């Protein structure tokens, strides 16, 4: 699990990004882990809160991303988002010769 308090995106707003890397058979566990960090880890909430202080445009945007070599249907993604109460962008990256996705493009 990576948590970035990095740059400014979306019109100058900061983004708190939770990123999970998962193999093909473990995607649903990634949803569970992302939801747990977002709702149960006080240090994450503190970081998001601190990103929004004195920033034009309001509080930081929160984004959750799973990068995986597996495939997921839209109905399965929607079911997991509903089950865990978190919206997740699933990015498939399965070809080693393909460049690693730049997640900044997702925000």
PDB file of N, CA and C in Angstrom:
ATOM      1  N   UNK A   1       0.850  -1.167   0.000  1.00  0.00           N
ATOM      2  CA  UNK A   1       0.000   0.000   0.000  1.00  0.00           C
ATOM      3  C   UNK A   1       0.888   1.219   0.000  1.00  0.00           C
ATOM      4  N   UNK A   2       0.627   2.103  -0.907  1.00  0.00           N
ATOM      5  CA  UNK A   2       1.346   3.367  -0.944  1.00  0.00           C
ATOM      6  C   UNK A   2       0.349   4.481  -0.757  1.00  0.00           C
ATOM      7  N   UNK A   3       0.757   5.459  -0.026  1.00  0.00           N
ATOM      8  CA  UNK A   3      -0.097   6.614   0.183  1.00  0.00           C
ATOM      9  C   UNK A   3       0.716   7.834  -0.198  1.00  0.00           C
ATOM     10  N   UNK A   4       0.228   8.588  -1.135  1.00  0.00           N
ATOM     11  CA  UNK A   4       0.975   9.737  -1.609  1.00  0.00           C
ATOM     12  C   UNK A   4       0.293  11.011  -1.172  1.00  0.00           C
ATOM     13  N   UNK A   5       1.079  11.911  -0.669  1.00  0.00           N
ATOM     14  CA  UNK A   5       0.559  13.239  -0.353  1.00  0.00           C
ATOM     15  C   UNK A   5       1.117  14.238  -1.347  1.00  0.00           C
ATOM     16  N   UNK A   6       1.451  13.728  -2.498  1.00  0.00           N
ATOM     17  CA  UNK A   6       2.174  14.453  -3.527  1.00  0.00           C
ATOM     18  C   UNK A   6       1.500  15.685  -4.066  1.00  0.00           C
ATOM     19  N   UNK A   7       1.750  15.934  -5.324  1.00  0.00           N
ATOM     20  CA  UNK A   7       1.506  17.194  -5.989  1.00  0.00           C
ATOM     21  C   UNK A   7       0.094  17.699  -6.050  1.00  0.00           C
ATOM     22  N   UNK A   8       0.005  18.791  -6.763  1.00  0.00           N
ATOM     23  CA  UNK A   8      -1.286  19.438  -6.958  1.00  0.00           C
ATOM     24  C   UNK A   8      -1.835  19.023  -8.315  1.00  0.00           C
ATOM     25  N   UNK A   9      -3.104  18.712  -8.331  1.00  0.00           N
ATOM     26  CA  UNK A   9      -3.774  18.300  -9.548  1.00  0.00           C
ATOM     27  C   UNK A   9      -5.145  18.944  -9.562  1.00  0.00           C
ATOM     28  N   UNK A  10      -5.888  18.695 -10.581  1.00  0.00           N
ATOM     29  CA  UNK A  10      -7.288  19.109 -10.668  1.00  0.00           C
ATOM     30  C   UNK A  10      -7.473  20.567 -10.255  1.00  0.00           C
ATOM     31  N   UNK A  11      -6.878  21.468 -10.991  1.00  0.00           N
ATOM     32  CA  UNK A  11      -7.078  22.879 -10.725  1.00  0.00           C
ATOM     33  C   UNK A  11      -6.375  23.374  -9.479  1.00  0.00           C
ATOM     34  N   UNK A  12      -5.239  22.813  -9.139  1.00  0.00           N
ATOM     35  CA  UNK A  12      -4.472  23.288  -7.992  1.00  0.00           C
ATOM     36  C   UNK A  12      -4.767  22.572  -6.691  1.00  0.00           C
ATOM     37  N   UNK A  13      -5.748  21.684  -6.672  1.00  0.00           N
ATOM     38  CA  UNK A  13      -6.056  20.962  -5.440  1.00  0.00           C
ATOM     39  C   UNK A  13      -5.067  19.833  -5.231  1.00  0.00           C
ATOM     40  N   UNK A  14      -4.768  19.566  -3.991  1.00  0.00           N
ATOM     41  CA  UNK A  14      -3.886  18.450  -3.680  1.00  0.00           C
ATOM     42  C   UNK A  14      -4.683  17.153  -3.705  1.00  0.00           C
ATOM     43  N   UNK A  15      -3.963  16.047  -3.916  1.00  0.00           N
ATOM     44  CA  UNK A  15      -4.586  14.733  -4.013  1.00  0.00           C
ATOM     45  C   UNK A  15      -3.928  13.788  -3.018  1.00  0.00           C
ATOM     46  N   UNK A  16      -4.742  13.105  -2.228  1.00  0.00           N
ATOM     47  CA  UNK A  16      -4.271  12.018  -1.370  1.00  0.00           C
ATOM     48  C   UNK A  16      -4.608  10.733  -2.113  1.00  0.00           C
ATOM     49  N   UNK A  17      -3.575  10.014  -2.531  1.00  0.00           N
ATOM     50  CA  UNK A  17      -3.785   8.828  -3.361  1.00  0.00           C
ATOM     51  C   UNK A  17      -3.377   7.570  -2.609  1.00  0.00           C
ATOM     52  N   UNK A  18      -4.311   6.636  -2.492  1.00  0.00           N
ATOM     53  CA  UNK A  18      -4.014   5.309  -1.964  1.00  0.00           C
ATOM     54  C   UNK A  18      -3.820   4.392  -3.167  1.00  0.00           C
ATOM     55  N   UNK A  19      -2.687   3.708  -3.214  1.00  0.00           N
ATOM     56  CA  UNK A  19      -2.379   2.852  -4.357  1.00  0.00           C
ATOM     57  C   UNK A  19      -2.065   1.454  -3.849  1.00  0.00           C
ATOM     58  N   UNK A  20      -2.723   0.477  -4.447  1.00  0.00           N
ATOM     59  CA  UNK A  20      -2.507  -0.922  -4.093  1.00  0.00           C
ATOM     60  C   UNK A  20      -2.060  -1.665  -5.340  1.00  0.00           C
ATOM     61  N   UNK A  21      -1.006  -2.459  -5.223  1.00  0.00           N
ATOM     62  CA  UNK A  21      -0.538  -3.300  -6.326  1.00  0.00           C
ATOM     63  C   UNK A  21      -0.993  -4.719  -6.043  1.00  0.00           C
ATOM     64  N   UNK A  22      -1.718  -5.311  -6.979  1.00  0.00           N
ATOM     65  CA  UNK A  22      -2.296  -6.636  -6.742  1.00  0.00           C
ATOM     66  C   UNK A  22      -2.101  -7.557  -7.935  1.00  0.00           C
ATOM     67  N   UNK A  23      -1.885  -8.817  -7.646  1.00  0.00           N
ATOM     68  CA  UNK A  23      -1.841  -9.835  -8.681  1.00  0.00           C
ATOM     69  C   UNK A  23      -3.244 -10.136  -9.177  1.00  0.00           C
ATOM     70  N   UNK A  24      -3.326 -10.956 -10.202  1.00  0.00           N
ATOM     71  CA  UNK A  24      -4.600 -11.242 -10.861  1.00  0.00           C
ATOM     72  C   UNK A  24      -5.655 -11.845  -9.927  1.00  0.00           C
ATOM     73  N   UNK A  25      -5.245 -12.679  -8.983  1.00  0.00           N
ATOM     74  CA  UNK A  25      -6.221 -13.349  -8.132  1.00  0.00           C
ATOM     75  C   UNK A  25      -6.501 -12.651  -6.819  1.00  0.00           C
ATOM     76  N   UNK A  26      -5.998 -11.445  -6.651  1.00  0.00           N
ATOM     77  CA  UNK A  26      -6.069 -10.800  -5.343  1.00  0.00           C
ATOM     78  C   UNK A  26      -6.717  -9.416  -5.386  1.00  0.00           C
ATOM     79  N   UNK A  27      -7.425  -9.116  -6.454  1.00  0.00           N
ATOM     80  CA  UNK A  27      -7.970  -7.770  -6.631  1.00  0.00           C
ATOM     81  C   UNK A  27      -8.977  -7.415  -5.543  1.00  0.00           C
ATOM     82  N   UNK A  28      -9.856  -8.334  -5.191  1.00  0.00           N
ATOM     83  CA  UNK A  28     -10.878  -8.026  -4.176  1.00  0.00           C
ATOM     84  C   UNK A  28     -10.239  -7.700  -2.827  1.00  0.00           C
ATOM     85  N   UNK A  29      -9.119  -8.336  -2.524  1.00  0.00           N
ATOM     86  CA  UNK A  29      -8.417  -8.034  -1.272  1.00  0.00           C
ATOM     87  C   UNK A  29      -7.892  -6.600  -1.291  1.00  0.00           C
ATOM     88  N   UNK A  30      -7.534  -6.102  -2.466  1.00  0.00           N
ATOM     89  CA  UNK A  30      -7.100  -4.715  -2.595  1.00  0.00           C
ATOM     90  C   UNK A  30      -8.197  -3.732  -2.216  1.00  0.00           C
ATOM     91  N   UNK A  31      -9.441  -4.014  -2.608  1.00  0.00           N
ATOM     92  CA  UNK A  31     -10.566  -3.157  -2.224  1.00  0.00           C
ATOM     93  C   UNK A  31     -10.694  -3.116  -0.698  1.00  0.00           C
ATOM     94  N   UNK A  32     -10.594  -4.297  -0.085  1.00  0.00           N
ATOM     95  CA  UNK A  32     -10.692  -4.389   1.369  1.00  0.00           C
ATOM     96  C   UNK A  32      -9.586  -3.573   2.039  1.00  0.00           C
ATOM     97  N   UNK A  33      -8.362  -3.697   1.550  1.00  0.00           N
ATOM     98  CA  UNK A  33      -7.240  -2.974   2.146  1.00  0.00           C
ATOM     99  C   UNK A  33      -7.388  -1.462   1.979  1.00  0.00           C
ATOM    100  N   UNK A  34      -7.790  -1.018   0.806  1.00  0.00           N
ATOM    101  CA  UNK A  34      -7.972   0.413   0.580  1.00  0.00           C
ATOM    102  C   UNK A  34      -9.052   0.986   1.491  1.00  0.00           C
ATOM    103  N   UNK A  35     -10.164   0.277   1.600  1.00  0.00           N
ATOM    104  CA  UNK A  35     -11.257   0.733   2.462  1.00  0.00           C
ATOM    105  C   UNK A  35     -10.821   0.777   3.922  1.00  0.00           C
ATOM    106  N   UNK A  36     -10.042  -0.201   4.344  1.00  0.00           N
ATOM    107  CA  UNK A  36      -9.568  -0.236   5.732  1.00  0.00           C
ATOM    108  C   UNK A  36      -8.685   0.981   6.038  1.00  0.00           C
ATOM    109  N   UNK A  37      -7.739   1.265   5.164  1.00  0.00           N
ATOM    110  CA  UNK A  37      -6.862   2.414   5.402  1.00  0.00           C
ATOM    111  C   UNK A  37      -7.678   3.700   5.448  1.00  0.00           C
ATOM    112  N   UNK A  38      -8.571   3.853   4.500  1.00  0.00           N
ATOM    113  CA  UNK A  38      -9.354   5.091   4.434  1.00  0.00           C
ATOM    114  C   UNK A  38     -10.246   5.285   5.659  1.00  0.00           C
ATOM    115  N   UNK A  39     -10.806   4.218   6.176  1.00  0.00           N
ATOM    116  CA  UNK A  39     -11.774   4.379   7.266  1.00  0.00           C
ATOM    117  C   UNK A  39     -11.236   4.069   8.657  1.00  0.00           C
ATOM    118  N   UNK A  40     -10.145   3.301   8.747  1.00  0.00           N
ATOM    119  CA  UNK A  40      -9.690   2.842  10.066  1.00  0.00           C
ATOM    120  C   UNK A  40      -8.333   3.365  10.510  1.00  0.00           C
ATOM    121  N   UNK A  41      -7.590   4.009   9.638  1.00  0.00           N
ATOM    122  CA  UNK A  41      -6.240   4.449   9.993  1.00  0.00           C
ATOM    123  C   UNK A  41      -6.230   5.947  10.288  1.00  0.00           C
ATOM    124  N   UNK A  42      -6.073   6.312  11.552  1.00  0.00           N
ATOM    125  CA  UNK A  42      -6.103   7.742  11.902  1.00  0.00           C
ATOM    126  C   UNK A  42      -4.988   8.547  11.238  1.00  0.00           C
ATOM    127  N   UNK A  43      -3.834   7.922  11.009  1.00  0.00           N
ATOM    128  CA  UNK A  43      -2.748   8.683  10.385  1.00  0.00           C
ATOM    129  C   UNK A  43      -3.084   9.078   8.943  1.00  0.00           C
ATOM    130  N   UNK A  44      -3.883   8.244   8.267  1.00  0.00           N
ATOM    131  CA  UNK A  44      -4.324   8.615   6.921  1.00  0.00           C
ATOM    132  C   UNK A  44      -5.265   9.811   6.993  1.00  0.00           C
ATOM    133  N   UNK A  45      -6.229   9.765   7.913  1.00  0.00           N
ATOM    134  CA  UNK A  45      -7.170  10.875   8.072  1.00  0.00           C
ATOM    135  C   UNK A  45      -6.426  12.164   8.419  1.00  0.00           C
ATOM    136  N   UNK A  46      -5.408  12.074   9.261  1.00  0.00           N
ATOM    137  CA  UNK A  46      -4.615  13.247   9.626  1.00  0.00           C
ATOM    138  C   UNK A  46      -3.889  13.813   8.404  1.00  0.00           C
ATOM    139  N   UNK A  47      -3.331  12.927   7.586  1.00  0.00           N
ATOM    140  CA  UNK A  47      -2.630  13.379   6.396  1.00  0.00           C
ATOM    141  C   UNK A  47      -3.581  14.094   5.444  1.00  0.00           C
ATOM    142  N   UNK A  48      -4.753  13.527   5.204  1.00  0.00           N
ATOM    143  CA  UNK A  48      -5.729  14.145   4.306  1.00  0.00           C
ATOM    144  C   UNK A  48      -6.150  15.504   4.859  1.00  0.00           C
ATOM    145  N   UNK A  49      -6.366  15.561   6.155  1.00  0.00           N
ATOM    146  CA  UNK A  49      -6.754  16.819   6.780  1.00  0.00           C
ATOM    147  C   UNK A  49      -5.660  17.875   6.624  1.00  0.00           C
ATOM    148  N   UNK A  50      -4.421  17.477   6.823  1.00  0.00           N
ATOM    149  CA  UNK A  50      -3.326  18.440   6.723  1.00  0.00           C
ATOM    150  C   UNK A  50      -3.117  18.918   5.285  1.00  0.00           C
ATOM    151  N   UNK A  51      -3.428  18.074   4.306  1.00  0.00           N
ATOM    152  CA  UNK A  51      -3.298  18.486   2.909  1.00  0.00           C
ATOM    153  C   UNK A  51      -4.286  19.586   2.547  1.00  0.00           C
ATOM    154  N   UNK A  52      -5.426  19.621   3.226  1.00  0.00           N
ATOM    155  CA  UNK A  52      -6.468  20.579   2.891  1.00  0.00           C
ATOM    156  C   UNK A  52      -6.334  21.912   3.578  1.00  0.00           C
ATOM    157  N   UNK A  53      -5.405  22.029   4.504  1.00  0.00           N
ATOM    158  CA  UNK A  53      -5.257  23.281   5.235  1.00  0.00           C
ATOM    159  C   UNK A  53      -4.612  24.339   4.361  1.00  0.00           C
ATOM    160  N   UNK A  54      -5.197  25.524   4.387  1.00  0.00           N
ATOM    161  CA  UNK A  54      -4.644  26.684   3.684  1.00  0.00           C
ATOM    162  C   UNK A  54      -4.358  26.415   2.211  1.00  0.00           C
ATOM    163  N   UNK A  55      -5.203  25.619   1.585  1.00  0.00           N
ATOM    164  CA  UNK A  55      -5.024  25.312   0.167  1.00  0.00           C
ATOM    165  C   UNK A  55      -6.207  25.896  -0.603  1.00  0.00           C
ATOM    166  N   UNK A  56      -5.913  26.735  -1.604  1.00  0.00           N
ATOM    167  CA  UNK A  56      -7.016  27.229  -2.428  1.00  0.00           C
ATOM    168  C   UNK A  56      -7.755  26.067  -3.080  1.00  0.00           C
ATOM    169  N   UNK A  57      -9.042  26.161  -3.148  1.00  0.00           N
ATOM    170  CA  UNK A  57      -9.831  25.109  -3.795  1.00  0.00           C
ATOM    171  C   UNK A  57     -10.401  24.100  -2.827  1.00  0.00           C
ATOM    172  N   UNK A  58     -10.098  24.252  -1.535  1.00  0.00           N
ATOM    173  CA  UNK A  58     -10.714  23.385  -0.546  1.00  0.00           C
ATOM    174  C   UNK A  58      -9.905  22.163  -0.189  1.00  0.00           C
ATOM    175  N   UNK A  59     -10.572  21.183   0.397  1.00  0.00           N
ATOM    176  CA  UNK A  59      -9.870  19.997   0.899  1.00  0.00           C
ATOM    177  C   UNK A  59      -9.261  19.167  -0.225  1.00  0.00           C
ATOM    178  N   UNK A  60      -8.311  18.344   0.150  1.00  0.00           N
ATOM    179  CA  UNK A  60      -7.642  17.465  -0.813  1.00  0.00           C
ATOM    180  C   UNK A  60      -8.626  16.465  -1.408  1.00  0.00           C
ATOM    181  N   UNK A  61      -8.421  16.154  -2.661  1.00  0.00           N
ATOM    182  CA  UNK A  61      -9.193  15.095  -3.306  1.00  0.00           C
ATOM    183  C   UNK A  61      -8.634  13.758  -2.840  1.00  0.00           C
ATOM    184  N   UNK A  62      -9.496  12.803  -2.577  1.00  0.00           N
ATOM    185  CA  UNK A  62      -9.052  11.463  -2.199  1.00  0.00           C
ATOM    186  C   UNK A  62      -9.294  10.523  -3.371  1.00  0.00           C
ATOM    187  N   UNK A  63      -8.264   9.763  -3.720  1.00  0.00           N
ATOM    188  CA  UNK A  63      -8.371   8.806  -4.806  1.00  0.00           C
ATOM    189  C   UNK A  63      -7.801   7.469  -4.365  1.00  0.00           C
ATOM    190  N   UNK A  64      -8.414   6.391  -4.843  1.00  0.00           N
ATOM    191  CA  UNK A  64      -7.937   5.036  -4.564  1.00  0.00           C
ATOM    192  C   UNK A  64      -7.732   4.333  -5.898  1.00  0.00           C
ATOM    193  N   UNK A  65      -6.580   3.673  -6.035  1.00  0.00           N
ATOM    194  CA  UNK A  65      -6.212   3.031  -7.293  1.00  0.00           C
ATOM    195  C   UNK A  65      -5.654   1.646  -7.006  1.00  0.00           C
ATOM    196  N   UNK A  66      -6.061   0.682  -7.817  1.00  0.00           N
ATOM    197  CA  UNK A  66      -5.443  -0.645  -7.798  1.00  0.00           C
ATOM    198  C   UNK A  66      -4.792  -0.855  -9.160  1.00  0.00           C
ATOM    199  N   UNK A  67      -3.500  -1.148  -9.142  1.00  0.00           N
ATOM    200  CA  UNK A  67      -2.788  -1.521 -10.366  1.00  0.00           C
ATOM    201  C   UNK A  67      -2.625  -3.035 -10.304  1.00  0.00           C
ATOM    202  N   UNK A  68      -3.093  -3.718 -11.345  1.00  0.00           N
ATOM    203  CA  UNK A  68      -3.132  -5.174 -11.308  1.00  0.00           C
ATOM    204  C   UNK A  68      -2.821  -5.780 -12.670  1.00  0.00           C
ATOM    205  N   UNK A  69      -2.406  -7.012 -12.635  1.00  0.00           N
ATOM    206  CA  UNK A  69      -2.221  -7.757 -13.879  1.00  0.00           C
ATOM    207  C   UNK A  69      -3.499  -8.505 -14.250  1.00  0.00           C
ATOM    208  N   UNK A  70      -4.492  -8.462 -13.385  1.00  0.00           N
ATOM    209  CA  UNK A  70      -5.742  -9.185 -13.615  1.00  0.00           C
ATOM    210  C   UNK A  70      -6.801  -8.354 -14.310  1.00  0.00           C
ATOM    211  N   UNK A  71      -7.845  -9.023 -14.711  1.00  0.00           N
ATOM    212  CA  UNK A  71      -8.983  -8.383 -15.358  1.00  0.00           C
ATOM    213  C   UNK A  71     -10.151  -8.349 -14.390  1.00  0.00           C
ATOM    214  N   UNK A  72     -10.971  -7.323 -14.504  1.00  0.00           N
ATOM    215  CA  UNK A  72     -12.148  -7.209 -13.656  1.00  0.00           C
ATOM    216  C   UNK A  72     -13.283  -6.625 -14.481  1.00  0.00           C
ATOM    217  N   UNK A  73     -14.446  -7.245 -14.399  1.00  0.00           N
ATOM    218  CA  UNK A  73     -15.603  -6.723 -15.116  1.00  0.00           C
ATOM    219  C   UNK A  73     -16.158  -5.520 -14.365  1.00  0.00           C
ATOM    220  N   UNK A  74     -16.881  -4.683 -15.081  1.00  0.00           N
ATOM    221  CA  UNK A  74     -17.493  -3.520 -14.437  1.00  0.00           C
ATOM    222  C   UNK A  74     -18.477  -3.941 -13.343  1.00  0.00           C
ATOM    223  N   UNK A  75     -19.350  -4.949 -13.578  1.00  0.00           N
ATOM    224  CA  UNK A  75     -20.250  -5.361 -12.499  1.00  0.00           C
ATOM    225  C   UNK A  75     -19.510  -5.837 -11.241  1.00  0.00           C
ATOM    226  N   UNK A  76     -18.391  -6.514 -11.425  1.00  0.00           N
ATOM    227  CA  UNK A  76     -17.615  -6.975 -10.272  1.00  0.00           C
ATOM    228  C   UNK A  76     -17.001  -5.786  -9.525  1.00  0.00           C
ATOM    229  N   UNK A  77     -16.489  -4.812 -10.272  1.00  0.00           N
ATOM    230  CA  UNK A  77     -15.922  -3.617  -9.630  1.00  0.00           C
ATOM    231  C   UNK A  77     -16.990  -2.865  -8.852  1.00  0.00           C
ATOM    232  N   UNK A  78     -18.162  -2.694  -9.459  1.00  0.00           N
ATOM    233  CA  UNK A  78     -19.268  -1.994  -8.790  1.00  0.00           C
ATOM    234  C   UNK A  78     -19.689  -2.752  -7.528  1.00  0.00           C
ATOM    235  N   UNK A  79     -19.751  -4.077  -7.614  1.00  0.00           N
ATOM    236  CA  UNK A  79     -20.122  -4.882  -6.442  1.00  0.00           C
ATOM    237  C   UNK A  79     -19.120  -4.676  -5.306  1.00  0.00           C
ATOM    238  N   UNK A  80     -17.828  -4.686  -5.618  1.00  0.00           N
ATOM    239  CA  UNK A  80     -16.804  -4.505  -4.586  1.00  0.00           C
ATOM    240  C   UNK A  80     -16.804  -3.081  -4.036  1.00  0.00           C
ATOM    241  N   UNK A  81     -17.035  -2.099  -4.906  1.00  0.00           N
ATOM    242  CA  UNK A  81     -17.122  -0.715  -4.425  1.00  0.00           C
ATOM    243  C   UNK A  81     -18.291  -0.554  -3.458  1.00  0.00           C
ATOM    244  N   UNK A  82     -19.407  -1.166  -3.774  1.00  0.00           N
ATOM    245  CA  UNK A  82     -20.577  -1.109  -2.890  1.00  0.00           C
ATOM    246  C   UNK A  82     -20.309  -1.856  -1.593  1.00  0.00           C
ATOM    247  N   UNK A  83     -19.734  -3.030  -1.693  1.00  0.00           N
ATOM    248  CA  UNK A  83     -19.447  -3.848  -0.508  1.00  0.00           C
ATOM    249  C   UNK A  83     -18.510  -3.136   0.459  1.00  0.00           C
ATOM    250  N   UNK A  84     -17.468  -2.476  -0.058  1.00  0.00           N
ATOM    251  CA  UNK A  84     -16.468  -1.856   0.806  1.00  0.00           C
ATOM    252  C   UNK A  84     -16.641  -0.349   0.955  1.00  0.00           C
ATOM    253  N   UNK A  85     -17.588   0.239   0.240  1.00  0.00           N
ATOM    254  CA  UNK A  85     -17.870   1.661   0.399  1.00  0.00           C
ATOM    255  C   UNK A  85     -16.751   2.577  -0.073  1.00  0.00           C
ATOM    256  N   UNK A  86     -16.091   2.205  -1.167  1.00  0.00           N
ATOM    257  CA  UNK A  86     -14.995   3.018  -1.675  1.00  0.00           C
ATOM    258  C   UNK A  86     -14.962   2.942  -3.192  1.00  0.00           C
ATOM    259  N   UNK A  87     -14.789   4.099  -3.837  1.00  0.00           N
ATOM    260  CA  UNK A  87     -14.627   4.126  -5.292  1.00  0.00           C
ATOM    261  C   UNK A  87     -13.169   3.861  -5.625  1.00  0.00           C
ATOM    262  N   UNK A  88     -12.924   2.970  -6.563  1.00  0.00           N
ATOM    263  CA  UNK A  88     -11.561   2.573  -6.902  1.00  0.00           C
ATOM    264  C   UNK A  88     -11.381   2.591  -8.415  1.00  0.00           C
ATOM    265  N   UNK A  89     -10.289   3.162  -8.839  1.00  0.00           N
ATOM    266  CA  UNK A  89      -9.901   3.104 -10.254  1.00  0.00           C
ATOM    267  C   UNK A  89      -9.008   1.879 -10.402  1.00  0.00           C
ATOM    268  N   UNK A  90      -9.390   0.925 -11.247  1.00  0.00           N
ATOM    269  CA  UNK A  90      -8.605  -0.283 -11.473  1.00  0.00           C
ATOM    270  C   UNK A  90      -7.854  -0.113 -12.794  1.00  0.00           C
ATOM    271  N   UNK A  91      -6.522  -0.202 -12.710  1.00  0.00           N
ATOM    272  CA  UNK A  91      -5.673  -0.057 -13.889  1.00  0.00           C
ATOM    273  C   UNK A  91      -5.001  -1.398 -14.154  1.00  0.00           C
ATOM    274  N   UNK A  92      -5.212  -1.916 -15.347  1.00  0.00           N
ATOM    275  CA  UNK A  92      -4.588  -3.182 -15.716  1.00  0.00           C
ATOM    276  C   UNK A  92      -3.221  -2.904 -16.334  1.00  0.00           C
ATOM    277  N   UNK A  93      -2.225  -3.541 -15.748  1.00  0.00           N
ATOM    278  CA  UNK A  93      -0.852  -3.421 -16.258  1.00  0.00           C
ATOM    279  C   UNK A  93      -0.261  -4.823 -16.246  1.00  0.00           C
ATOM    280  N   UNK A  94      -0.268  -5.475 -17.399  1.00  0.00           N
ATOM    281  CA  UNK A  94       0.150  -6.877 -17.410  1.00  0.00           C
ATOM    282  C   UNK A  94       1.278  -7.190 -18.380  1.00  0.00           C
ATOM    283  N   UNK A  95       1.657  -6.232 -19.190  1.00  0.00           N
ATOM    284  CA  UNK A  95       2.702  -6.483 -20.167  1.00  0.00           C
ATOM    285  C   UNK A  95       3.997  -5.841 -19.675  1.00  0.00           C
ATOM    286  N   UNK A  96       5.002  -6.660 -19.317  1.00  0.00           N
ATOM    287  CA  UNK A  96       6.233  -6.110 -18.747  1.00  0.00           C
ATOM    288  C   UNK A  96       6.955  -5.109 -19.660  1.00  0.00           C
ATOM    289  N   UNK A  97       6.753  -5.227 -20.962  1.00  0.00           N
ATOM    290  CA  UNK A  97       7.444  -4.323 -21.874  1.00  0.00           C
ATOM    291  C   UNK A  97       6.722  -2.988 -22.037  1.00  0.00           C
ATOM    292  N   UNK A  98       5.487  -2.932 -21.561  1.00  0.00           N
ATOM    293  CA  UNK A  98       4.724  -1.684 -21.631  1.00  0.00           C
ATOM    294  C   UNK A  98       5.186  -0.747 -20.524  1.00  0.00           C
ATOM    295  N   UNK A  99       5.234   0.564 -20.767  1.00  0.00           N
ATOM    296  CA  UNK A  99       5.653   1.488 -19.714  1.00  0.00           C
ATOM    297  C   UNK A  99       4.724   1.415 -18.500  1.00  0.00           C
ATOM    298  N   UNK A 100       5.293   1.631 -17.347  1.00  0.00           N
ATOM    299  CA  UNK A 100       4.516   1.665 -16.103  1.00  0.00           C
ATOM    300  C   UNK A 100       3.563   2.857 -16.184  1.00  0.00           C
ATOM    301  N   UNK A 101       2.295   2.682 -15.804  1.00  0.00           N
ATOM    302  CA  UNK A 101       1.348   3.804 -15.902  1.00  0.00           C
ATOM    303  C   UNK A 101       1.738   4.939 -14.963  1.00  0.00           C
ATOM    304  N   UNK A 102       1.595   6.161 -15.451  1.00  0.00           N
ATOM    305  CA  UNK A 102       1.832   7.348 -14.634  1.00  0.00           C
ATOM    306  C   UNK A 102       0.511   7.696 -13.960  1.00  0.00           C
ATOM    307  N   UNK A 103       0.414   7.442 -12.674  1.00  0.00           N
ATOM    308  CA  UNK A 103      -0.846   7.634 -11.967  1.00  0.00           C
ATOM    309  C   UNK A 103      -1.291   9.083 -11.902  1.00  0.00           C
ATOM    310  N   UNK A 104      -0.387   9.994 -12.104  1.00  0.00           N
ATOM    311  CA  UNK A 104      -0.793  11.404 -12.121  1.00  0.00           C
ATOM    312  C   UNK A 104      -1.791  11.662 -13.230  1.00  0.00           C
ATOM    313  N   UNK A 105      -1.750  10.869 -14.293  1.00  0.00           N
ATOM    314  CA  UNK A 105      -2.701  11.010 -15.388  1.00  0.00           C
ATOM    315  C   UNK A 105      -4.115  10.608 -14.973  1.00  0.00           C
ATOM    316  N   UNK A 106      -4.255   9.880 -13.886  1.00  0.00           N
ATOM    317  CA  UNK A 106      -5.553   9.386 -13.425  1.00  0.00           C
ATOM    318  C   UNK A 106      -6.304  10.411 -12.588  1.00  0.00           C
ATOM    319  N   UNK A 107      -5.627  11.482 -12.189  1.00  0.00           N
ATOM    320  CA  UNK A 107      -6.263  12.464 -11.308  1.00  0.00           C
ATOM    321  C   UNK A 107      -6.640  13.694 -12.075  1.00  0.00           C
TER     322      UNK A 107
END
